[in-house]
Protein backbone atom coordinates (compact mmCIF):
# COMPACT_ATOMS: atom_id res chain seq x y z
CA MET A 1 53.43 140.32 -144.65
CA ALA A 2 52.39 139.96 -140.87
CA ALA A 3 49.02 139.19 -142.14
CA ASP A 4 50.38 136.22 -144.40
CA LYS A 5 52.03 134.81 -141.18
CA LYS A 6 49.33 135.35 -139.34
CA GLN A 7 46.65 133.51 -141.39
CA GLU A 8 49.65 130.63 -142.03
CA LYS A 9 49.31 130.44 -138.03
CA VAL A 10 45.19 130.40 -138.03
CA GLU A 11 45.55 126.95 -141.02
CA GLY A 12 48.79 125.37 -138.58
CA SER A 13 46.58 125.88 -135.50
CA ALA A 14 43.47 124.36 -136.60
CA THR A 15 42.63 120.91 -135.29
CA PRO A 16 43.29 117.82 -138.11
CA GLU A 17 40.47 115.65 -138.90
CA CYS A 18 40.52 112.19 -136.61
CA PRO A 19 41.35 109.57 -139.00
CA GLY A 20 38.16 107.70 -137.86
CA SER A 21 35.75 110.46 -137.83
CA GLU A 22 34.46 110.01 -141.19
CA SER A 23 33.87 106.21 -140.35
CA SER A 24 30.03 107.13 -138.84
CA ASP A 25 29.49 109.04 -141.91
CA ILE A 26 29.69 105.15 -143.84
CA PRO A 27 26.61 103.20 -144.44
CA LEU A 28 26.42 99.74 -142.64
CA SER A 29 26.71 96.81 -145.17
CA ASP A 30 23.41 94.62 -146.00
CA ASP A 31 25.36 91.54 -143.86
CA ALA A 32 25.38 94.13 -140.51
CA ILE A 33 21.75 95.20 -141.16
CA LYS A 34 20.73 91.74 -141.14
CA GLU A 35 22.78 90.75 -138.27
CA THR A 36 20.86 93.90 -136.34
CA LEU A 37 17.39 92.98 -137.08
CA SER A 38 17.64 89.27 -136.22
CA GLY A 39 18.99 90.29 -133.06
CA LEU A 40 16.29 92.58 -132.64
CA SER A 41 13.85 90.06 -134.19
CA PHE A 42 14.94 87.08 -131.23
CA ILE A 43 13.72 89.50 -128.56
CA ARG A 44 9.99 89.09 -129.19
CA PRO A 45 10.03 85.44 -129.50
CA LEU A 46 12.41 84.82 -126.37
CA PHE A 47 9.88 86.98 -123.84
CA SER A 48 6.52 85.36 -125.64
CA GLU A 49 8.91 81.78 -124.27
CA ALA A 50 9.42 83.14 -121.50
CA VAL A 51 6.57 83.21 -120.51
CA VAL A 52 5.25 80.07 -121.67
CA GLY A 53 8.35 79.02 -119.75
CA TYR A 54 6.80 80.04 -116.70
CA ILE A 55 4.19 78.37 -117.15
CA PHE A 56 5.36 75.63 -118.04
CA TRP A 57 7.86 74.91 -114.81
CA THR A 58 4.20 75.87 -113.18
CA VAL A 59 2.49 72.83 -114.47
CA LEU A 60 5.52 70.86 -113.91
CA HIS A 61 5.65 71.27 -110.09
CA ALA A 62 2.04 71.13 -109.47
CA LEU A 63 1.69 68.26 -109.95
CA ILE A 64 3.09 65.95 -107.39
CA PRO A 65 2.26 68.27 -104.36
CA ALA A 66 -1.55 68.21 -106.03
CA LEU A 67 -1.65 64.45 -105.91
CA TRP A 68 0.26 64.60 -102.20
CA PHE A 69 -2.58 66.21 -100.58
CA PHE A 70 -5.10 64.67 -102.80
CA PRO A 71 -7.74 61.99 -100.36
CA ARG A 72 -6.08 59.01 -101.70
CA ASP A 73 -8.37 56.61 -99.79
CA LYS A 74 -11.44 58.63 -101.03
CA TYR A 75 -10.64 58.28 -104.24
CA PRO A 76 -7.74 55.36 -104.63
CA GLY A 77 -6.01 54.81 -107.65
CA CYS A 78 -5.40 58.54 -108.73
CA GLU A 79 -1.51 57.33 -109.00
CA ALA A 80 -2.63 56.57 -112.50
CA VAL A 81 -2.35 59.72 -113.49
CA VAL A 82 1.48 60.22 -112.44
CA ALA A 83 2.12 57.04 -114.84
CA VAL A 84 0.18 58.46 -117.68
CA TRP A 85 2.26 61.32 -117.31
CA ILE A 86 5.75 59.58 -116.81
CA LEU A 87 3.96 57.46 -120.78
CA THR A 88 3.32 60.66 -122.39
CA PRO A 89 6.93 60.65 -124.19
CA LEU A 90 5.96 57.25 -125.85
CA LEU A 91 3.75 59.19 -127.72
CA CYS A 92 6.75 60.84 -130.11
CA SER A 93 7.58 57.59 -131.15
CA ILE A 94 4.04 58.17 -133.72
CA GLY A 95 5.92 59.60 -136.63
CA PRO A 96 2.99 61.77 -138.36
CA LEU A 97 2.33 62.79 -134.44
CA PHE A 98 5.09 64.33 -133.57
CA ARG A 99 5.84 65.49 -136.90
CA PHE A 100 2.74 67.38 -136.65
CA LEU A 101 3.13 68.49 -133.13
CA GLN A 102 6.71 69.91 -134.22
CA THR A 103 4.60 72.30 -136.47
CA LYS A 104 3.17 75.63 -135.62
CA TYR A 105 0.13 74.80 -135.00
CA GLY A 106 0.77 71.74 -133.52
CA LEU A 107 2.83 73.47 -131.01
CA PHE A 108 0.13 76.51 -130.67
CA LEU A 109 -2.37 73.73 -129.21
CA LEU A 110 0.14 71.73 -126.80
CA ARG A 111 0.58 75.77 -125.91
CA LEU A 112 -3.32 76.16 -125.68
CA GLY A 113 -3.48 73.17 -123.20
CA LEU A 114 -0.84 74.33 -120.84
CA VAL A 115 -2.16 77.56 -120.34
CA CYS A 116 -5.39 76.41 -120.03
CA SER A 117 -4.76 73.74 -116.97
CA LEU A 118 -3.40 76.61 -115.22
CA ALA A 119 -7.49 77.27 -114.53
CA SER A 120 -7.63 74.18 -112.62
CA PHE A 121 -7.41 76.52 -109.30
CA GLN A 122 -10.72 77.85 -110.18
CA CYS A 123 -12.03 74.43 -110.41
CA SER A 124 -14.25 73.50 -107.29
CA ASP A 125 -14.88 69.90 -107.97
CA ILE A 126 -11.21 68.32 -106.91
CA VAL A 127 -11.28 65.21 -109.44
CA LEU A 128 -11.78 67.70 -112.63
CA ARG A 129 -8.73 69.13 -111.15
CA LEU A 130 -6.34 66.87 -110.85
CA VAL A 131 -7.45 65.83 -114.41
CA VAL A 132 -7.56 69.24 -116.39
CA LEU A 133 -3.65 69.54 -114.11
CA THR A 134 -2.36 65.80 -115.55
CA ALA A 135 -3.74 67.09 -118.85
CA GLY A 136 -1.64 69.98 -118.70
CA ASN A 137 1.72 68.02 -118.12
CA MET A 138 1.15 65.90 -120.46
CA CYS A 139 0.67 69.42 -123.00
CA ALA A 140 4.22 70.28 -121.01
CA VAL A 141 6.04 67.09 -121.63
CA LEU A 142 4.83 66.87 -125.92
CA LEU A 143 6.06 70.94 -126.10
CA LEU A 144 8.64 69.91 -124.49
CA CYS A 145 9.94 67.05 -126.63
CA ALA A 146 8.12 69.21 -129.99
CA SER A 147 10.64 72.21 -129.53
CA TRP A 148 13.64 70.83 -128.23
CA PHE A 149 13.65 68.51 -130.64
CA SER A 150 12.40 70.43 -133.69
CA THR A 151 14.57 70.03 -136.82
CA SER A 152 14.88 73.96 -136.64
CA ALA A 153 17.39 75.22 -135.24
CA TYR A 154 16.27 78.70 -134.27
CA GLN A 155 12.98 77.13 -133.00
CA ARG A 156 14.89 74.95 -130.54
CA SER A 157 17.31 77.53 -129.60
CA VAL A 158 14.14 80.34 -128.37
CA SER A 159 12.17 77.58 -126.73
CA PHE A 160 15.52 76.41 -124.49
CA TRP A 161 16.22 80.26 -123.33
CA GLY A 162 12.94 80.74 -123.01
CA PHE A 163 12.20 77.77 -120.77
CA MET A 164 15.66 78.83 -119.24
CA LEU A 165 14.33 82.07 -118.44
CA GLY A 166 10.34 81.01 -117.37
CA TYR A 167 12.41 79.08 -114.97
CA MET A 168 14.36 82.06 -113.22
CA ALA A 169 11.08 84.24 -113.82
CA LEU A 170 9.54 81.61 -111.39
CA LEU A 171 11.88 81.27 -108.63
CA SER A 172 11.76 84.89 -108.52
CA SER A 173 8.03 85.02 -108.06
CA ARG A 174 8.25 82.16 -105.30
CA ILE A 175 10.18 85.19 -103.89
CA TRP A 176 8.25 87.98 -104.37
CA TYR A 177 5.54 86.07 -103.22
CA VAL A 178 6.31 83.61 -100.00
CA SER A 179 4.84 80.76 -102.16
CA LEU A 180 5.62 77.36 -104.34
CA THR A 181 3.02 78.39 -106.96
CA PRO A 182 2.59 81.69 -107.53
CA ALA A 183 0.18 81.37 -110.68
CA TRP A 184 -2.08 79.89 -108.16
CA ALA A 185 -1.25 82.26 -105.07
CA ASP A 186 -5.32 83.91 -105.60
CA HIS A 187 -7.62 84.10 -108.52
CA THR A 188 -6.15 88.00 -109.25
CA SER A 189 -2.49 86.01 -110.18
CA ASN A 190 -4.15 83.19 -111.90
CA THR A 191 -5.98 85.88 -114.22
CA VAL A 192 -3.02 87.78 -115.09
CA ILE A 193 -0.87 84.99 -115.53
CA ILE A 194 -3.34 83.09 -117.58
CA SER A 195 -3.80 86.11 -119.94
CA LEU A 196 -0.35 86.67 -120.42
CA GLY A 197 0.21 83.25 -121.65
CA ILE A 198 -2.69 83.67 -124.01
CA ILE A 199 -0.90 86.47 -125.44
CA ALA A 200 2.13 84.73 -125.17
CA ILE A 201 0.63 81.87 -127.53
CA ILE A 202 -0.99 83.69 -129.90
CA ASP A 203 2.17 85.91 -130.99
CA ARG A 204 3.98 82.77 -132.03
CA LEU A 205 1.37 81.22 -133.82
CA SER A 206 1.43 84.72 -136.03
CA ALA A 207 5.37 84.46 -136.18
């Protein structure tokens, strides 16, 4: 009798299972798995777009200062590059061209032209430097129109947030380098950013 009472006392003092303890054994639904995978798949293209966005803001902010310090008395009429840059979005009114630019290969060509324009820093001729930088700004404007007005909601979203992250990264790097254009602070930073840009555009092409 004493043994039976002791056994009942031990069983009664056992800790009851928590009602929610079995929830960890319940497998995730297909919708939850898809939602998790879609969230993870957004991180990689977002990082690539942030690199492209960093280069976009760098090139966009560099044209006017480059033109300001350009020897306009020696090369008159160089201000025409601003008109070319401003009128570039009119190319988007050409339907077949704009539809091509919105494709994966069209975006790749625009990103490639944008990244390669950073190499204008290493051009010895000042006229060639201005021409390359102007071509990069044309690619930047067309890239903005083609990606932000894309028919794909995914492309619009990842491009927008990538550009915003790229802008914040540019502001942070300005503080770090104490320079208005860190990509042109020295040859090392210029080469590193160009390399990262090439990796980013190849990643976006293969996505």
